[in-house]
């Protein structure tokens, strides 16, 4: 009777946090492939490139852009407000999610990867989601308001930097995909508040093309 009561009480409490997230089979296959085939040189390059999505660097850049936009025209002020708000939100969201979810980083589950130059990244259980990819997803989404040329270039850079998180074995592939999608969604939602345009005027887009 006592055991039944304990089971019933545990069910009433619902799921406990943090929730453990397991990598998919595809995640494991991809991480093993990288661990076996990487080398110190590409790891060093990837580590350098991944700083392009570091929240501290992006916060400084967004704050500088916001200050530079003061006293300018309304479109630039709106863009500055939007960039700063999105960067702050994209910095806070991953920290909140990592309190709810635990997932071991792939760099903590490999030996051969470290032999080949892979570093240790962040806290052991903070794989999901990728904060760097979340920032890059927001950037790629915001680029939708630019003409075709800059839009494609920025999105290519955003995807490339996100992929560096796989190369350094800081995240599983699903963490990067989830982070990128969350960042794009966050940026689009915040446009409703900041008034940032949802698309570039057609005449400018065609002229750039």
N, C-alpha and C. Protein backbone atom coordinates (compact mmCIF):
# COMPACT_ATOMS: atom_id res chain seq x y z
N UNK A 1 0.83 -1.21 0.00
CA UNK A 1 0.00 0.00 0.00
C UNK A 1 0.87 1.26 0.00
N UNK A 2 1.91 1.24 0.84
CA UNK A 2 2.80 2.38 0.93
C UNK A 2 3.52 2.62 -0.39
N UNK A 3 3.95 1.53 -1.04
CA UNK A 3 4.64 1.65 -2.33
C UNK A 3 3.72 2.23 -3.39
N UNK A 4 2.46 1.81 -3.40
CA UNK A 4 1.49 2.33 -4.38
C UNK A 4 1.29 3.82 -4.16
N UNK A 5 1.20 4.22 -2.90
CA UNK A 5 1.03 5.64 -2.59
C UNK A 5 2.21 6.45 -3.07
N UNK A 6 3.41 5.91 -2.90
CA UNK A 6 4.62 6.63 -3.35
C UNK A 6 4.64 6.77 -4.85
N UNK A 7 4.27 5.72 -5.59
CA UNK A 7 4.24 5.78 -7.05
C UNK A 7 3.21 6.79 -7.52
N UNK A 8 2.04 6.80 -6.88
CA UNK A 8 0.99 7.73 -7.27
C UNK A 8 1.43 9.17 -7.02
N UNK A 9 2.10 9.41 -5.90
CA UNK A 9 2.56 10.76 -5.58
C UNK A 9 3.59 11.22 -6.58
N UNK A 10 4.49 10.31 -6.99
CA UNK A 10 5.51 10.70 -7.96
C UNK A 10 4.91 11.03 -9.30
N UNK A 11 3.85 10.34 -9.68
CA UNK A 11 3.19 10.63 -10.95
C UNK A 11 2.48 11.98 -10.90
N UNK A 12 1.92 12.31 -9.74
CA UNK A 12 1.23 13.59 -9.60
C UNK A 12 2.20 14.75 -9.69
N UNK A 13 3.42 14.53 -9.22
CA UNK A 13 4.40 15.62 -9.27
C UNK A 13 4.82 15.93 -10.69
N UNK A 14 4.65 15.02 -11.63
CA UNK A 14 5.02 15.26 -13.01
C UNK A 14 6.51 15.03 -13.23
N UNK A 15 7.02 15.42 -14.40
CA UNK A 15 8.43 15.17 -14.73
C UNK A 15 9.37 16.01 -13.87
N UNK A 16 10.51 15.45 -13.53
CA UNK A 16 11.51 16.17 -12.74
C UNK A 16 12.47 16.89 -13.67
N UNK A 17 13.02 17.99 -13.20
CA UNK A 17 13.96 18.78 -13.99
C UNK A 17 15.31 18.79 -13.29
N UNK A 18 16.40 18.86 -14.05
CA UNK A 18 16.43 18.96 -15.52
C UNK A 18 16.11 17.64 -16.22
N UNK A 19 15.59 17.75 -17.43
CA UNK A 19 15.25 16.59 -18.24
C UNK A 19 16.49 16.14 -19.01
N UNK A 20 16.79 14.86 -18.96
CA UNK A 20 17.95 14.33 -19.69
C UNK A 20 17.59 14.16 -21.17
N UNK A 21 18.45 14.68 -22.03
CA UNK A 21 18.24 14.57 -23.47
C UNK A 21 19.35 13.69 -24.05
N UNK A 22 18.95 12.68 -24.80
CA UNK A 22 19.94 11.78 -25.40
C UNK A 22 20.18 12.13 -26.86
N UNK A 23 21.41 12.01 -27.31
CA UNK A 23 21.67 12.25 -28.74
C UNK A 23 21.05 11.16 -29.59
N UNK A 24 20.70 11.50 -30.82
CA UNK A 24 20.15 10.51 -31.74
C UNK A 24 21.28 9.64 -32.29
N UNK A 25 20.91 8.56 -32.97
CA UNK A 25 21.91 7.71 -33.60
C UNK A 25 22.71 8.49 -34.64
N UNK A 26 22.01 9.35 -35.38
CA UNK A 26 22.70 10.17 -36.38
C UNK A 26 23.69 11.12 -35.71
N UNK A 27 23.32 11.68 -34.55
CA UNK A 27 24.23 12.54 -33.80
C UNK A 27 25.51 11.80 -33.45
N UNK A 28 25.36 10.59 -32.94
CA UNK A 28 26.50 9.80 -32.50
C UNK A 28 27.40 9.43 -33.68
N UNK A 29 26.79 9.05 -34.79
CA UNK A 29 27.57 8.70 -35.99
C UNK A 29 28.37 9.90 -36.47
N UNK A 30 27.74 11.07 -36.52
CA UNK A 30 28.43 12.28 -36.98
C UNK A 30 29.56 12.65 -36.04
N UNK A 31 29.33 12.59 -34.73
CA UNK A 31 30.37 12.95 -33.77
C UNK A 31 31.55 11.98 -33.84
N UNK A 32 31.27 10.70 -34.00
CA UNK A 32 32.36 9.72 -34.11
C UNK A 32 33.17 9.94 -35.37
N UNK A 33 32.50 10.28 -36.47
CA UNK A 33 33.22 10.54 -37.71
C UNK A 33 34.16 11.73 -37.55
N UNK A 34 33.66 12.80 -36.92
CA UNK A 34 34.50 13.99 -36.72
C UNK A 34 35.67 13.65 -35.80
N UNK A 35 35.39 12.95 -34.70
CA UNK A 35 36.45 12.61 -33.74
C UNK A 35 37.58 11.80 -34.39
N UNK A 36 37.21 10.89 -35.31
CA UNK A 36 38.21 10.03 -35.93
C UNK A 36 38.96 10.71 -37.06
N UNK A 37 38.37 11.73 -37.66
CA UNK A 37 38.96 12.31 -38.87
C UNK A 37 39.45 13.75 -38.72
N UNK A 38 39.33 14.32 -37.53
CA UNK A 38 39.79 15.69 -37.35
C UNK A 38 41.29 15.71 -37.07
N UNK A 39 41.84 16.90 -36.89
CA UNK A 39 43.27 17.07 -36.62
C UNK A 39 43.46 18.40 -35.90
N UNK A 40 44.60 18.63 -35.28
CA UNK A 40 44.81 19.87 -34.53
C UNK A 40 44.59 21.14 -35.36
N UNK A 41 45.04 21.15 -36.61
CA UNK A 41 44.91 22.37 -37.42
C UNK A 41 43.45 22.78 -37.66
N UNK A 42 42.60 21.88 -38.18
CA UNK A 42 41.20 22.29 -38.35
C UNK A 42 40.50 22.59 -37.03
N UNK A 43 40.91 21.94 -35.95
CA UNK A 43 40.31 22.25 -34.65
C UNK A 43 40.66 23.67 -34.21
N UNK A 44 41.89 24.09 -34.44
CA UNK A 44 42.30 25.45 -34.09
C UNK A 44 41.53 26.48 -34.91
N UNK A 45 41.37 26.20 -36.21
CA UNK A 45 40.62 27.12 -37.07
C UNK A 45 39.16 27.19 -36.62
N UNK A 46 38.57 26.04 -36.34
CA UNK A 46 37.17 26.02 -35.91
C UNK A 46 36.99 26.75 -34.59
N UNK A 47 37.93 26.57 -33.67
CA UNK A 47 37.83 27.26 -32.38
C UNK A 47 37.91 28.77 -32.56
N UNK A 48 38.74 29.23 -33.50
CA UNK A 48 38.84 30.66 -33.76
C UNK A 48 37.56 31.19 -34.39
N UNK A 49 37.03 30.46 -35.36
CA UNK A 49 35.82 30.91 -36.05
C UNK A 49 34.61 30.92 -35.14
N UNK A 50 34.56 29.98 -34.21
CA UNK A 50 33.37 29.87 -33.36
C UNK A 50 33.21 31.08 -32.45
N UNK A 51 34.29 31.84 -32.25
CA UNK A 51 34.18 33.07 -31.46
C UNK A 51 33.28 34.10 -32.13
N UNK A 52 33.05 33.94 -33.42
CA UNK A 52 32.15 34.85 -34.12
C UNK A 52 30.72 34.76 -33.65
N UNK A 53 30.37 33.71 -32.91
CA UNK A 53 29.01 33.56 -32.38
C UNK A 53 29.00 33.56 -30.86
N UNK A 54 30.11 33.96 -30.24
CA UNK A 54 30.15 34.01 -28.79
C UNK A 54 29.25 35.14 -28.29
N UNK A 55 28.46 34.87 -27.27
CA UNK A 55 27.47 35.85 -26.80
C UNK A 55 28.12 37.13 -26.30
N UNK A 56 29.28 37.04 -25.68
CA UNK A 56 29.94 38.25 -25.16
C UNK A 56 30.37 39.15 -26.30
N UNK A 57 30.95 38.56 -27.34
CA UNK A 57 31.36 39.34 -28.51
C UNK A 57 30.15 39.98 -29.18
N UNK A 58 29.09 39.21 -29.34
CA UNK A 58 27.90 39.73 -30.02
C UNK A 58 27.19 40.80 -29.20
N UNK A 59 27.19 40.67 -27.88
CA UNK A 59 26.59 41.69 -27.04
C UNK A 59 27.34 43.02 -27.15
N UNK A 60 28.66 42.94 -27.19
CA UNK A 60 29.46 44.16 -27.36
C UNK A 60 29.16 44.81 -28.71
N UNK A 61 29.12 44.00 -29.77
CA UNK A 61 28.84 44.53 -31.10
C UNK A 61 27.44 45.12 -31.19
N UNK A 62 26.46 44.44 -30.59
CA UNK A 62 25.09 44.93 -30.64
C UNK A 62 24.95 46.23 -29.87
N UNK A 63 25.62 46.33 -28.72
CA UNK A 63 25.57 47.56 -27.93
C UNK A 63 26.24 48.71 -28.69
N UNK A 64 27.37 48.41 -29.34
CA UNK A 64 28.05 49.44 -30.13
C UNK A 64 27.18 49.89 -31.29
N UNK A 65 26.52 48.94 -31.95
CA UNK A 65 25.62 49.29 -33.06
C UNK A 65 24.44 50.11 -32.59
N UNK A 66 23.91 49.76 -31.40
CA UNK A 66 22.79 50.52 -30.85
C UNK A 66 23.18 51.96 -30.57
N UNK A 67 24.36 52.15 -29.97
CA UNK A 67 24.84 53.51 -29.69
C UNK A 67 25.07 54.29 -30.98
N UNK A 68 25.63 53.62 -31.99
CA UNK A 68 25.89 54.29 -33.26
C UNK A 68 24.61 54.69 -33.98
N UNK A 69 23.52 53.97 -33.70
CA UNK A 69 22.26 54.25 -34.39
C UNK A 69 21.48 55.40 -33.75
N UNK A 70 21.89 55.83 -32.55
CA UNK A 70 21.19 56.94 -31.90
C UNK A 70 21.46 58.23 -32.69
N UNK A 71 20.44 59.02 -32.84
CA UNK A 71 20.58 60.27 -33.58
C UNK A 71 20.51 60.08 -35.08
N UNK A 72 20.33 58.84 -35.54
CA UNK A 72 20.19 58.57 -36.97
C UNK A 72 18.71 58.54 -37.34
N UNK A 73 18.44 58.17 -38.59
CA UNK A 73 17.07 58.09 -39.06
C UNK A 73 16.30 56.97 -38.36
N UNK A 74 14.97 57.03 -38.48
CA UNK A 74 14.11 56.05 -37.83
C UNK A 74 14.43 54.61 -38.22
N UNK A 75 14.67 54.29 -39.51
CA UNK A 75 15.00 52.90 -39.86
C UNK A 75 16.24 52.37 -39.15
N UNK A 76 17.29 53.20 -39.03
CA UNK A 76 18.51 52.75 -38.37
C UNK A 76 18.30 52.61 -36.87
N UNK A 77 17.54 53.52 -36.27
CA UNK A 77 17.26 53.40 -34.83
C UNK A 77 16.47 52.13 -34.55
N UNK A 78 15.50 51.84 -35.42
CA UNK A 78 14.70 50.63 -35.25
C UNK A 78 15.58 49.39 -35.39
N UNK A 79 16.49 49.41 -36.37
CA UNK A 79 17.39 48.28 -36.57
C UNK A 79 18.31 48.10 -35.37
N UNK A 80 18.80 49.21 -34.81
CA UNK A 80 19.66 49.14 -33.64
C UNK A 80 18.94 48.57 -32.43
N UNK A 81 17.69 49.03 -32.23
CA UNK A 81 16.88 48.50 -31.14
C UNK A 81 16.65 47.00 -31.30
N UNK A 82 16.34 46.62 -32.53
CA UNK A 82 16.04 45.22 -32.80
C UNK A 82 17.27 44.34 -32.58
N UNK A 83 18.41 44.77 -33.09
CA UNK A 83 19.64 43.98 -32.96
C UNK A 83 20.01 43.79 -31.49
N UNK A 84 19.88 44.85 -30.70
CA UNK A 84 20.25 44.75 -29.29
C UNK A 84 19.28 43.84 -28.53
N UNK A 85 17.99 44.02 -28.78
CA UNK A 85 17.00 43.19 -28.08
C UNK A 85 17.15 41.72 -28.44
N UNK A 86 17.34 41.43 -29.73
CA UNK A 86 17.49 40.04 -30.16
C UNK A 86 18.74 39.42 -29.56
N UNK A 87 19.84 40.17 -29.53
CA UNK A 87 21.09 39.64 -29.00
C UNK A 87 20.97 39.34 -27.51
N UNK A 88 20.33 40.23 -26.76
CA UNK A 88 20.14 40.00 -25.33
C UNK A 88 19.25 38.78 -25.11
N UNK A 89 18.14 38.71 -25.83
CA UNK A 89 17.22 37.58 -25.68
C UNK A 89 17.88 36.27 -26.09
N UNK A 90 18.66 36.30 -27.18
CA UNK A 90 19.33 35.09 -27.65
C UNK A 90 20.46 34.67 -26.72
N UNK A 91 20.95 35.59 -25.89
CA UNK A 91 21.96 35.25 -24.89
C UNK A 91 21.34 34.63 -23.65
N UNK A 92 20.14 35.10 -23.29
CA UNK A 92 19.48 34.61 -22.08
C UNK A 92 18.78 33.28 -22.29
N UNK A 93 18.16 33.10 -23.47
CA UNK A 93 17.35 31.92 -23.72
C UNK A 93 18.11 30.60 -23.54
N UNK A 94 19.32 30.45 -24.11
CA UNK A 94 20.02 29.16 -23.94
C UNK A 94 20.33 28.84 -22.48
N UNK A 95 20.64 29.87 -21.67
CA UNK A 95 20.93 29.63 -20.26
C UNK A 95 19.70 29.09 -19.54
N UNK A 96 18.54 29.66 -19.87
CA UNK A 96 17.30 29.16 -19.28
C UNK A 96 17.00 27.74 -19.69
N UNK A 97 17.19 27.44 -20.98
CA UNK A 97 16.90 26.10 -21.47
C UNK A 97 17.86 25.06 -20.89
N UNK A 98 19.10 25.47 -20.65
CA UNK A 98 20.07 24.52 -20.12
C UNK A 98 19.84 24.22 -18.65
N UNK A 99 19.01 25.04 -17.99
CA UNK A 99 18.57 24.71 -16.64
C UNK A 99 17.49 23.64 -16.67
N UNK A 100 16.76 23.57 -17.80
CA UNK A 100 15.67 22.62 -17.94
C UNK A 100 16.12 21.29 -18.54
N UNK A 101 17.20 21.34 -19.33
CA UNK A 101 17.65 20.14 -20.05
C UNK A 101 19.12 19.85 -19.76
N UNK A 102 19.42 18.59 -19.58
CA UNK A 102 20.80 18.12 -19.43
C UNK A 102 21.15 17.20 -20.60
N UNK A 103 22.26 17.47 -21.22
CA UNK A 103 22.77 16.58 -22.26
C UNK A 103 24.29 16.65 -22.27
N UNK A 104 24.94 15.51 -22.22
CA UNK A 104 26.39 15.46 -22.18
C UNK A 104 26.97 15.86 -23.53
N UNK A 105 27.94 16.73 -23.51
CA UNK A 105 28.58 17.17 -24.76
C UNK A 105 29.36 16.01 -25.39
N UNK A 106 29.43 15.98 -26.72
CA UNK A 106 30.19 14.90 -27.36
C UNK A 106 31.67 14.92 -27.02
N UNK A 107 32.23 16.09 -26.69
CA UNK A 107 33.66 16.11 -26.35
C UNK A 107 33.95 15.45 -25.00
N UNK A 108 32.89 15.15 -24.21
CA UNK A 108 33.08 14.44 -22.95
C UNK A 108 32.91 12.94 -23.13
N UNK A 109 32.58 12.53 -24.35
CA UNK A 109 32.35 11.10 -24.60
C UNK A 109 33.33 10.55 -25.63
N UNK A 110 34.46 11.22 -25.77
CA UNK A 110 35.46 10.75 -26.74
C UNK A 110 36.86 10.90 -26.17
N UNK A 111 37.71 9.97 -26.52
CA UNK A 111 39.13 10.07 -26.21
C UNK A 111 39.91 10.37 -27.47
N UNK A 112 39.54 9.67 -28.53
CA UNK A 112 40.26 9.84 -29.79
C UNK A 112 40.11 11.26 -30.33
N UNK A 113 38.97 11.89 -30.07
CA UNK A 113 38.77 13.26 -30.52
C UNK A 113 39.78 14.20 -29.90
N UNK A 114 40.06 14.02 -28.60
CA UNK A 114 41.04 14.88 -27.92
C UNK A 114 42.46 14.56 -28.39
N UNK A 115 42.72 13.31 -28.70
CA UNK A 115 44.02 12.95 -29.26
C UNK A 115 44.25 13.67 -30.59
N UNK A 116 43.16 13.86 -31.33
CA UNK A 116 43.24 14.53 -32.63
C UNK A 116 43.09 16.05 -32.52
N UNK A 117 43.03 16.58 -31.30
CA UNK A 117 43.05 18.03 -31.14
C UNK A 117 41.76 18.68 -30.69
N UNK A 118 40.69 17.92 -30.52
CA UNK A 118 39.42 18.51 -30.08
C UNK A 118 39.55 19.03 -28.66
N UNK A 119 39.03 20.24 -28.39
CA UNK A 119 39.14 20.81 -27.05
C UNK A 119 37.98 20.38 -26.15
N UNK A 120 38.01 20.82 -24.90
CA UNK A 120 36.86 20.70 -24.01
C UNK A 120 36.09 22.00 -24.07
N UNK A 121 34.76 21.93 -24.18
CA UNK A 121 33.94 23.12 -24.34
C UNK A 121 32.92 23.25 -23.22
N UNK A 122 32.91 24.37 -22.53
CA UNK A 122 31.88 24.69 -21.56
C UNK A 122 31.63 23.63 -20.52
N UNK A 123 30.42 23.66 -19.94
CA UNK A 123 30.04 22.70 -18.91
C UNK A 123 29.65 21.37 -19.54
N UNK A 124 29.93 20.32 -18.84
CA UNK A 124 29.76 18.96 -19.36
C UNK A 124 28.34 18.68 -19.85
N UNK A 125 27.33 19.09 -19.10
CA UNK A 125 25.94 18.72 -19.39
C UNK A 125 25.17 19.81 -20.15
N UNK A 126 25.88 20.78 -20.73
CA UNK A 126 25.22 21.91 -21.38
C UNK A 126 25.21 21.81 -22.91
N UNK A 127 25.02 20.62 -23.44
CA UNK A 127 25.05 20.47 -24.90
C UNK A 127 23.81 21.04 -25.57
N UNK A 128 22.64 20.85 -24.94
CA UNK A 128 21.37 21.22 -25.60
C UNK A 128 20.77 22.46 -24.97
N UNK A 129 20.39 23.46 -25.82
CA UNK A 129 20.70 23.58 -27.25
C UNK A 129 22.01 24.35 -27.44
N UNK A 130 22.44 24.50 -28.68
CA UNK A 130 23.64 25.28 -28.95
C UNK A 130 23.33 26.76 -28.91
N UNK A 131 23.92 27.46 -27.95
CA UNK A 131 23.72 28.91 -27.87
C UNK A 131 24.33 29.64 -29.04
N UNK A 132 25.49 29.17 -29.49
CA UNK A 132 26.13 29.81 -30.65
C UNK A 132 25.22 29.70 -31.88
N UNK A 133 24.67 28.51 -32.10
CA UNK A 133 23.79 28.32 -33.25
C UNK A 133 22.51 29.14 -33.11
N UNK A 134 22.04 29.31 -31.87
CA UNK A 134 20.85 30.12 -31.65
C UNK A 134 21.09 31.56 -32.09
N UNK A 135 22.25 32.10 -31.74
CA UNK A 135 22.61 33.45 -32.19
C UNK A 135 22.68 33.52 -33.72
N UNK A 136 23.27 32.50 -34.32
CA UNK A 136 23.43 32.51 -35.76
C UNK A 136 22.10 32.32 -36.49
N UNK A 137 21.18 31.57 -35.89
CA UNK A 137 19.85 31.45 -36.46
C UNK A 137 19.13 32.78 -36.45
N UNK A 138 19.28 33.53 -35.36
CA UNK A 138 18.68 34.86 -35.29
C UNK A 138 19.29 35.79 -36.32
N UNK A 139 20.60 35.70 -36.51
CA UNK A 139 21.26 36.54 -37.51
C UNK A 139 20.79 36.20 -38.91
N UNK A 140 20.71 34.91 -39.20
CA UNK A 140 20.27 34.48 -40.53
C UNK A 140 18.84 34.92 -40.80
N UNK A 141 18.01 34.87 -39.78
CA UNK A 141 16.62 35.32 -39.93
C UNK A 141 16.55 36.82 -40.16
N UNK A 142 17.32 37.58 -39.39
CA UNK A 142 17.32 39.04 -39.54
C UNK A 142 17.82 39.46 -40.91
N UNK A 143 18.69 38.66 -41.51
CA UNK A 143 19.21 38.98 -42.83
C UNK A 143 18.14 38.96 -43.90
N UNK A 144 16.96 38.40 -43.59
CA UNK A 144 15.86 38.38 -44.54
C UNK A 144 15.38 39.77 -44.92
N UNK A 145 15.73 40.77 -44.11
CA UNK A 145 15.34 42.15 -44.41
C UNK A 145 16.36 42.87 -45.28
N UNK A 146 17.41 42.16 -45.71
CA UNK A 146 18.46 42.75 -46.54
C UNK A 146 18.30 42.34 -48.00
N UNK A 147 18.93 43.08 -48.92
CA UNK A 147 18.92 42.67 -50.33
C UNK A 147 19.56 41.30 -50.52
N UNK A 148 19.36 40.73 -51.68
CA UNK A 148 19.74 39.33 -51.93
C UNK A 148 21.22 39.05 -51.68
N UNK A 149 22.11 39.90 -52.16
CA UNK A 149 23.55 39.66 -52.02
C UNK A 149 23.99 39.56 -50.57
N UNK A 150 23.80 40.63 -49.79
CA UNK A 150 24.18 40.56 -48.37
C UNK A 150 23.43 39.48 -47.61
N UNK A 151 22.17 39.25 -47.96
CA UNK A 151 21.38 38.23 -47.28
C UNK A 151 22.03 36.85 -47.44
N UNK A 152 22.40 36.50 -48.66
CA UNK A 152 23.01 35.19 -48.90
C UNK A 152 24.36 35.06 -48.19
N UNK A 153 25.15 36.15 -48.23
CA UNK A 153 26.47 36.11 -47.60
C UNK A 153 26.36 35.92 -46.09
N UNK A 154 25.47 36.68 -45.47
CA UNK A 154 25.30 36.58 -44.02
C UNK A 154 24.78 35.21 -43.63
N UNK A 155 23.85 34.68 -44.38
CA UNK A 155 23.30 33.36 -44.05
C UNK A 155 24.35 32.27 -44.23
N UNK A 156 25.20 32.41 -45.23
CA UNK A 156 26.28 31.43 -45.41
C UNK A 156 27.25 31.48 -44.24
N UNK A 157 27.59 32.69 -43.79
CA UNK A 157 28.48 32.83 -42.63
C UNK A 157 27.82 32.24 -41.38
N UNK A 158 26.52 32.52 -41.20
CA UNK A 158 25.80 32.02 -40.02
C UNK A 158 25.80 30.49 -39.98
N UNK A 159 25.54 29.87 -41.11
CA UNK A 159 25.55 28.41 -41.17
C UNK A 159 26.96 27.87 -40.93
N UNK A 160 27.95 28.51 -41.55
CA UNK A 160 29.33 28.06 -41.39
C UNK A 160 29.80 28.12 -39.95
N UNK A 161 29.52 29.23 -39.27
CA UNK A 161 29.93 29.35 -37.86
C UNK A 161 29.19 28.34 -37.00
N UNK A 162 27.92 28.11 -37.29
CA UNK A 162 27.17 27.10 -36.53
C UNK A 162 27.81 25.72 -36.67
N UNK A 163 28.27 25.40 -37.85
CA UNK A 163 28.87 24.08 -38.08
C UNK A 163 30.19 23.90 -37.33
N UNK A 164 30.85 25.01 -36.99
CA UNK A 164 32.09 24.88 -36.22
C UNK A 164 31.84 24.25 -34.86
N UNK A 165 30.61 24.38 -34.36
CA UNK A 165 30.29 23.78 -33.06
C UNK A 165 30.29 22.25 -33.14
N UNK A 166 30.04 21.72 -34.35
CA UNK A 166 30.15 20.28 -34.56
C UNK A 166 31.60 19.87 -34.67
N UNK A 167 32.39 20.68 -35.36
CA UNK A 167 33.80 20.33 -35.59
C UNK A 167 34.57 20.26 -34.27
N UNK A 168 34.29 21.18 -33.35
CA UNK A 168 35.00 21.17 -32.07
C UNK A 168 34.34 20.22 -31.06
N UNK A 169 33.32 19.49 -31.50
CA UNK A 169 32.62 18.50 -30.67
C UNK A 169 32.00 19.11 -29.41
N UNK A 170 31.59 20.38 -29.51
CA UNK A 170 30.92 21.04 -28.40
C UNK A 170 29.45 20.65 -28.34
N UNK A 171 28.88 20.30 -29.51
CA UNK A 171 27.45 19.98 -29.59
C UNK A 171 27.21 18.84 -30.56
N UNK A 172 26.09 18.15 -30.35
CA UNK A 172 25.60 17.18 -31.30
C UNK A 172 24.91 17.93 -32.44
N UNK A 173 24.76 17.27 -33.57
CA UNK A 173 24.13 17.92 -34.73
C UNK A 173 22.72 18.41 -34.41
N UNK A 174 21.96 17.64 -33.66
CA UNK A 174 20.60 18.04 -33.32
C UNK A 174 20.58 19.27 -32.43
N UNK A 175 21.61 19.46 -31.60
CA UNK A 175 21.70 20.66 -30.76
C UNK A 175 21.85 21.91 -31.62
N UNK A 176 22.66 21.78 -32.67
CA UNK A 176 22.90 22.91 -33.57
C UNK A 176 21.66 23.24 -34.38
N UNK A 177 21.00 22.20 -34.89
CA UNK A 177 19.78 22.41 -35.66
C UNK A 177 18.70 23.06 -34.79
N UNK A 178 18.54 22.55 -33.57
CA UNK A 178 17.53 23.09 -32.65
C UNK A 178 17.86 24.53 -32.28
N UNK A 179 19.12 24.81 -31.99
CA UNK A 179 19.51 26.17 -31.64
C UNK A 179 19.28 27.14 -32.78
N UNK A 180 19.65 26.73 -33.99
CA UNK A 180 19.49 27.59 -35.16
C UNK A 180 18.01 27.90 -35.39
N UNK A 181 17.17 26.89 -35.30
CA UNK A 181 15.73 27.08 -35.51
C UNK A 181 15.13 27.97 -34.42
N UNK A 182 15.54 27.77 -33.17
CA UNK A 182 15.04 28.59 -32.08
C UNK A 182 15.44 30.05 -32.26
N UNK A 183 16.68 30.27 -32.71
CA UNK A 183 17.13 31.64 -32.94
C UNK A 183 16.33 32.34 -34.02
N UNK A 184 16.06 31.62 -35.11
CA UNK A 184 15.27 32.21 -36.20
C UNK A 184 13.85 32.53 -35.72
N UNK A 185 13.27 31.61 -34.95
CA UNK A 185 11.92 31.83 -34.42
C UNK A 185 11.89 33.02 -33.46
N UNK A 186 12.89 33.09 -32.58
CA UNK A 186 12.96 34.19 -31.63
C UNK A 186 13.05 35.54 -32.34
N UNK A 187 13.91 35.61 -33.36
CA UNK A 187 14.08 36.87 -34.09
C UNK A 187 12.79 37.30 -34.75
N UNK A 188 12.07 36.36 -35.35
CA UNK A 188 10.81 36.70 -36.03
C UNK A 188 9.75 37.17 -35.04
N UNK A 189 9.69 36.54 -33.89
CA UNK A 189 8.71 36.94 -32.88
C UNK A 189 9.00 38.35 -32.37
N UNK A 190 10.28 38.66 -32.13
CA UNK A 190 10.64 39.97 -31.61
C UNK A 190 10.41 41.09 -32.61
N UNK A 191 10.32 40.76 -33.90
CA UNK A 191 9.99 41.79 -34.89
C UNK A 191 8.61 42.39 -34.63
N UNK A 192 7.71 41.61 -34.07
CA UNK A 192 6.37 42.11 -33.77
C UNK A 192 6.41 43.22 -32.73
N UNK A 193 7.46 43.20 -31.90
CA UNK A 193 7.60 44.20 -30.85
C UNK A 193 8.42 45.41 -31.34
N UNK A 194 9.52 45.14 -32.04
CA UNK A 194 10.43 46.22 -32.42
C UNK A 194 10.02 46.95 -33.70
N UNK A 195 9.15 46.32 -34.50
CA UNK A 195 8.75 46.94 -35.75
C UNK A 195 9.76 46.78 -36.86
N UNK A 196 10.75 45.90 -36.67
CA UNK A 196 11.74 45.64 -37.72
C UNK A 196 11.02 45.01 -38.92
N UNK A 197 11.31 45.46 -40.15
CA UNK A 197 10.57 44.97 -41.32
C UNK A 197 10.75 43.47 -41.53
N UNK A 198 9.69 42.82 -42.03
CA UNK A 198 9.72 41.39 -42.26
C UNK A 198 10.38 41.01 -43.58
N UNK A 199 10.51 41.95 -44.49
CA UNK A 199 11.16 41.63 -45.77
C UNK A 199 11.71 42.91 -46.39
N UNK A 200 12.69 42.77 -47.27
CA UNK A 200 13.26 43.90 -47.98
C UNK A 200 12.30 44.36 -49.05
N UNK A 201 12.21 45.68 -49.30
CA UNK A 201 11.37 46.15 -50.40
C UNK A 201 11.76 45.48 -51.71
N UNK A 202 10.78 45.07 -52.50
CA UNK A 202 11.03 44.28 -53.71
C UNK A 202 11.93 44.99 -54.70
N UNK A 203 11.76 46.31 -54.82
CA UNK A 203 12.57 47.02 -55.81
C UNK A 203 14.06 46.97 -55.45
N UNK A 204 14.40 47.03 -54.13
CA UNK A 204 15.78 46.96 -53.72
C UNK A 204 16.34 45.56 -53.91
N UNK A 205 15.53 44.57 -53.62
CA UNK A 205 15.97 43.19 -53.77
C UNK A 205 16.26 42.87 -55.23
N UNK A 206 15.39 43.32 -56.12
CA UNK A 206 15.59 43.07 -57.54
C UNK A 206 16.78 43.83 -58.07
N UNK A 207 16.98 45.04 -57.59
CA UNK A 207 18.11 45.84 -58.04
C UNK A 207 19.42 45.19 -57.64
N UNK A 208 19.48 44.64 -56.43
CA UNK A 208 20.70 43.99 -55.97
C UNK A 208 20.97 42.72 -56.77
N UNK A 209 19.91 41.97 -57.08
CA UNK A 209 20.09 40.75 -57.84
C UNK A 209 20.64 41.02 -59.23
